[in-house]
Amino acid sequence: MKILVACEESQAVTTEFRRLGHEAYSCDIAPCSGGHPEWHLQQDVLPLLKEKWDMIIAFPPCTDLAVSGAAWFEQKRRDGRQQKSIDFFMHFANANCGKVCIENPIGIMSSQWRKPDQIVQPWMFGHPESKATCFWLKGLPLLKETENVKPIFDSLPKNKQQRLHYLPPTKDRAMLRSKTFHGIAKAFATQYTAFINSGMTVPEWENLFMGIDISRRNAIIDKYVQL
C-alpha cells in the first residue's frame, strides 16, 4: 500500500509500515528524527492530499485543540489560531481517501466535528503510562489492544504513570510528548495490514474478534499479516 503518515517527524508509524513492505511516507514541515530522510516529505502536507493514497494516518497539531490547553482557548478563538487548527484537522477528515485515521488528544473536535470512534491508552499496548488518545476512523477498524499492562500501570506512582506530563520544560518537550508509542505504532501497521489482507469489511473484521482474548486476537492478526 501507498501510505501517507501526515504530521509525523518521528517516523514511528512510518517505520512500522515500512517493516511490513508498504510504501509509507512521513510528512512534516520539520526534518525527520527517525533516521530515514528518504521516506520523509518535508513540506506542507495539504498539497499531498490531492494525490492518490491507499491510506492516510494523520497526527494534526493539537496545541489549539486539546482540552489540556483550555485556559488559552478564549485568546486563541479571538486571534483565529483555534479556527485555523480546526480547518487543518478537517482537511484530513475530508480527504479523498477511503481509509483514514486521524489522531488527537481529547479536545474540542468531539464537539466541533463528531465524537471519536475510539479512545485508547498506552497501557493497552504494553506501555504502563497514561495518555488518552482519540482516533477518528474512515474505512478502518478499531485498534485492538495487544498487551494490557494496566495492573503494572496501577502500581506506579503518578509521575511514572504520567511521565509525559512531568517532562521538564525543554525545547524538545512538545516533540517528545507527540511521538507515538511504539506499541501503538506497531498496532497501526500490523492490524491495518491484516485487515487489508483479509479482504473483509469493517463489520466482518470486528465480528471476527468478538468474545476472544488478547492472545487469540494477536494470533489471528499475525496470520493475516503473513498473507
Protein backbone atom coordinates (compact mmCIF):
# COMPACT_ATOMS: atom_id res chain seq x y z
CA MET A 1 0.00 0.00 0.00
CA LYS A 2 0.97 3.61 -0.54
CA ILE A 3 0.51 5.28 2.84
CA LEU A 4 0.80 8.90 3.96
CA VAL A 5 1.62 9.43 7.63
CA ALA A 6 0.87 13.12 7.99
CA CYS A 7 2.39 15.45 10.59
CA GLU A 8 4.89 12.83 11.74
CA GLU A 9 8.53 13.78 12.15
CA SER A 10 9.40 10.86 14.46
CA GLN A 11 8.65 8.26 11.74
CA ALA A 12 7.46 5.86 14.46
CA VAL A 13 4.40 4.78 12.46
CA THR A 14 6.06 5.11 9.07
CA THR A 15 8.88 2.76 10.09
CA GLU A 16 6.46 0.07 11.25
CA PHE A 17 4.60 0.14 7.94
CA ARG A 18 7.90 0.04 6.04
CA ARG A 19 8.92 -3.06 8.01
CA LEU A 20 5.88 -4.80 6.56
CA GLY A 21 6.77 -3.83 3.00
CA HIS A 22 4.49 -0.84 2.46
CA GLU A 23 5.42 2.32 0.60
CA ALA A 24 4.88 4.59 3.59
CA TYR A 25 5.97 8.21 3.81
CA SER A 26 6.11 10.53 6.79
CA CYS A 27 5.38 14.19 6.18
CA ASP A 28 6.08 17.22 8.32
CA ILE A 29 7.39 20.75 7.91
CA ALA A 30 10.21 19.76 10.30
CA PRO A 31 13.02 17.40 9.32
CA CYS A 32 12.53 13.81 10.43
CA SER A 33 14.17 12.41 13.56
CA GLY A 34 13.52 8.76 12.69
CA GLY A 35 16.70 8.24 10.69
CA HIS A 36 15.12 7.74 7.26
CA PRO A 37 15.05 11.03 5.34
CA GLU A 38 14.47 9.01 2.14
CA TRP A 39 10.99 8.21 3.48
CA HIS A 40 10.27 11.75 4.66
CA LEU A 41 8.46 14.50 2.79
CA GLN A 42 9.50 17.75 4.45
CA GLN A 43 6.79 20.08 3.22
CA ASP A 44 3.26 21.36 3.72
CA VAL A 45 1.08 18.24 3.74
CA LEU A 46 -2.02 19.80 2.16
CA PRO A 47 -0.86 19.55 -1.48
CA LEU A 48 -0.15 15.86 -0.90
CA LEU A 49 -3.81 15.26 -0.05
CA LYS A 50 -4.60 15.82 -3.73
CA GLU A 51 -2.55 12.74 -4.63
CA LYS A 52 -3.81 9.15 -4.55
CA TRP A 53 -3.13 7.31 -1.29
CA ASP A 54 -4.34 3.89 -0.19
CA MET A 55 -4.35 5.05 3.44
CA ILE A 56 -3.79 8.25 5.39
CA ILE A 57 -2.86 8.33 9.07
CA ALA A 58 -2.77 11.90 10.35
CA PHE A 59 -1.48 13.49 13.54
CA PRO A 60 -2.60 17.13 13.18
CA PRO A 61 -1.16 19.53 15.77
CA CYS A 62 -3.24 19.57 18.95
CA THR A 63 -1.90 22.70 20.65
CA ASP A 64 -5.01 24.74 19.87
CA LEU A 65 -7.48 21.84 20.14
CA ALA A 66 -6.66 19.73 23.22
CA VAL A 67 -8.55 20.35 26.47
CA SER A 68 -5.21 20.50 28.28
CA GLY A 69 -4.85 23.99 26.78
CA ALA A 70 -8.36 25.17 27.61
CA ALA A 71 -7.06 28.08 29.67
CA TRP A 72 -5.86 29.73 26.43
CA PHE A 73 -8.90 28.88 24.27
CA GLU A 74 -10.54 32.30 24.52
CA GLN A 75 -7.44 34.09 23.28
CA LYS A 76 -6.93 31.50 20.53
CA ARG A 77 -10.52 31.89 19.38
CA ARG A 78 -10.15 35.66 19.21
CA ASP A 79 -6.92 35.65 17.24
CA GLY A 80 -8.01 32.87 14.86
CA ARG A 81 -5.48 30.23 15.85
CA GLN A 82 -8.09 27.74 17.00
CA GLN A 83 -10.21 28.03 13.85
CA LYS A 84 -7.08 27.62 11.73
CA SER A 85 -6.27 24.38 13.58
CA ILE A 86 -9.86 23.15 13.21
CA ASP A 87 -9.72 23.82 9.46
CA PHE A 88 -6.40 21.99 9.18
CA PHE A 89 -7.80 18.96 11.04
CA MET A 90 -10.83 18.89 8.74
CA HIS A 91 -8.65 18.68 5.63
CA PHE A 92 -7.85 15.12 6.72
CA ALA A 93 -11.45 14.36 7.61
CA ASN A 94 -12.49 15.42 4.11
CA ALA A 95 -9.56 13.84 2.27
CA ASN A 96 -10.40 11.88 -0.87
CA CYS A 97 -9.14 8.58 0.53
CA GLY A 98 -11.14 5.52 1.53
CA LYS A 99 -9.06 4.66 4.59
CA VAL A 100 -8.25 7.42 7.05
CA CYS A 101 -7.27 7.56 10.72
CA ILE A 102 -6.93 10.93 12.47
CA GLU A 103 -5.25 11.02 15.89
CA ASN A 104 -5.59 13.73 18.53
CA PRO A 105 -5.84 14.01 22.31
CA ILE A 106 -9.20 14.62 23.96
CA GLY A 107 -10.26 18.05 22.80
CA ILE A 108 -12.76 20.23 21.04
CA MET A 109 -13.04 18.21 17.81
CA SER A 110 -15.54 15.96 19.60
CA SER A 111 -17.94 18.92 19.57
CA GLN A 112 -16.66 20.84 16.57
CA TRP A 113 -17.00 17.78 14.32
CA ARG A 114 -18.01 14.48 15.92
CA LYS A 115 -17.05 12.17 18.75
CA PRO A 116 -14.04 9.92 18.06
CA ASP A 117 -14.59 6.31 17.10
CA GLN A 118 -12.15 5.15 19.76
CA ILE A 119 -10.08 6.35 22.73
CA VAL A 120 -7.02 4.29 23.65
CA GLN A 121 -4.35 4.36 26.36
CA PRO A 122 -0.67 3.32 26.08
CA TRP A 123 -1.20 0.68 28.78
CA MET A 124 -3.41 -1.19 26.30
CA PHE A 125 -0.33 -1.66 24.09
CA GLY A 126 2.42 -2.61 26.51
CA HIS A 127 3.36 0.80 27.94
CA PRO A 128 2.42 1.39 31.61
CA GLU A 129 1.62 5.06 31.05
CA SER A 130 -1.41 7.30 30.63
CA LYS A 131 -2.14 9.41 27.55
CA ALA A 132 -5.74 9.31 26.36
CA THR A 133 -5.65 9.31 22.57
CA CYS A 134 -8.62 9.65 20.23
CA PHE A 135 -8.99 8.11 16.78
CA TRP A 136 -11.45 9.24 14.13
CA LEU A 137 -11.74 6.50 11.52
CA LYS A 138 -12.97 6.12 7.96
CA GLY A 139 -12.89 2.69 6.33
CA LEU A 140 -10.68 1.26 9.08
CA PRO A 141 -11.48 -0.91 12.13
CA LEU A 142 -10.88 -0.10 15.78
CA LEU A 143 -7.39 -0.86 17.07
CA LYS A 144 -7.37 -3.94 19.28
CA GLU A 145 -5.32 -3.84 22.47
CA THR A 146 -2.23 -6.04 22.14
CA GLU A 147 -0.74 -6.16 25.65
CA ASN A 148 -2.76 -4.90 28.59
CA VAL A 149 -0.42 -3.78 31.38
CA LYS A 150 -2.99 -1.90 33.45
CA PRO A 151 -2.03 -3.78 36.68
CA ILE A 152 1.57 -2.56 36.29
CA PHE A 153 0.33 0.93 35.46
CA ASP A 154 -1.87 0.98 38.58
CA SER A 155 1.10 0.07 40.79
CA LEU A 156 3.23 3.02 39.64
CA PRO A 157 3.45 6.49 41.22
CA LYS A 158 1.68 9.31 39.42
CA ASN A 159 4.88 10.81 37.98
CA LYS A 160 5.60 7.47 36.28
CA GLN A 161 2.04 6.94 35.08
CA GLN A 162 2.01 10.41 33.55
CA ARG A 163 5.66 10.53 32.51
CA LEU A 164 5.00 12.78 29.53
CA HIS A 165 3.13 15.32 31.63
CA TYR A 166 6.10 15.57 34.01
CA LEU A 167 8.75 16.08 31.34
CA PRO A 168 10.90 19.14 32.09
CA PRO A 169 10.30 22.30 30.02
CA THR A 170 12.92 21.85 27.30
CA LYS A 171 12.87 22.80 23.62
CA ASP A 172 12.19 19.15 22.75
CA ARG A 173 9.29 18.69 25.19
CA ALA A 174 6.50 19.11 22.63
CA MET A 175 8.21 16.77 20.18
CA LEU A 176 8.73 14.09 22.84
CA ARG A 177 5.11 14.36 24.01
CA SER A 178 3.78 13.99 20.47
CA LYS A 179 5.75 10.87 19.49
CA THR A 180 3.57 7.79 19.01
CA PHE A 181 4.25 5.00 21.49
CA HIS A 182 5.97 2.05 19.82
CA GLY A 183 3.24 -0.41 20.81
CA ILE A 184 0.56 1.78 19.21
CA ALA A 185 2.67 2.40 16.09
CA LYS A 186 3.19 -1.34 15.68
CA ALA A 187 -0.53 -1.97 16.20
CA PHE A 188 -1.37 0.51 13.42
CA ALA A 189 0.90 -1.29 10.97
CA THR A 190 0.12 -4.90 11.84
CA GLN A 191 -3.61 -4.56 12.36
CA TYR A 192 -4.33 -2.37 9.36
CA THR A 193 -2.16 -4.64 7.18
CA ALA A 194 -4.01 -7.70 8.47
CA PHE A 195 -7.37 -6.03 7.86
CA ILE A 196 -6.49 -5.14 4.26
CA ASN A 197 -5.06 -8.62 3.60
CA SER A 198 -8.23 -10.25 4.97
CA GLY A 199 -10.43 -8.69 2.32
CA MET A 200 -13.16 -8.28 4.95
CA THR A 201 -15.44 -5.33 5.55
CA VAL A 202 -15.04 -3.41 8.79
CA PRO A 203 -18.09 -5.09 10.40
CA GLU A 204 -16.85 -8.54 9.34
CA TRP A 205 -13.42 -7.80 10.82
CA GLU A 206 -14.91 -6.53 14.09
CA ASN A 207 -17.14 -9.61 14.38
CA LEU A 208 -14.09 -11.85 13.98
CA PHE A 209 -12.75 -10.68 17.34
CA MET A 210 -15.94 -10.79 19.37
CA GLY A 211 -15.54 -12.67 22.65
CA ILE A 212 -11.91 -13.78 22.26
CA ASP A 213 -8.92 -12.98 24.46
CA ILE A 214 -5.87 -10.91 23.55
CA SER A 215 -3.57 -13.86 22.77
CA ARG A 216 -6.08 -15.40 20.35
CA ARG A 217 -6.72 -11.98 18.83
CA ASN A 218 -3.00 -11.40 18.25
CA ALA A 219 -2.65 -14.83 16.65
CA ILE A 220 -5.43 -14.06 14.16
CA ILE A 221 -3.84 -10.72 13.29
CA ASP A 222 -0.43 -12.34 12.80
CA LYS A 223 -1.98 -14.92 10.46
CA TYR A 224 -3.45 -12.26 8.19
CA VAL A 225 -0.28 -10.16 8.26
CA GLN A 226 1.55 -13.12 6.68
CA LEU A 227 -0.84 -13.40 3.72
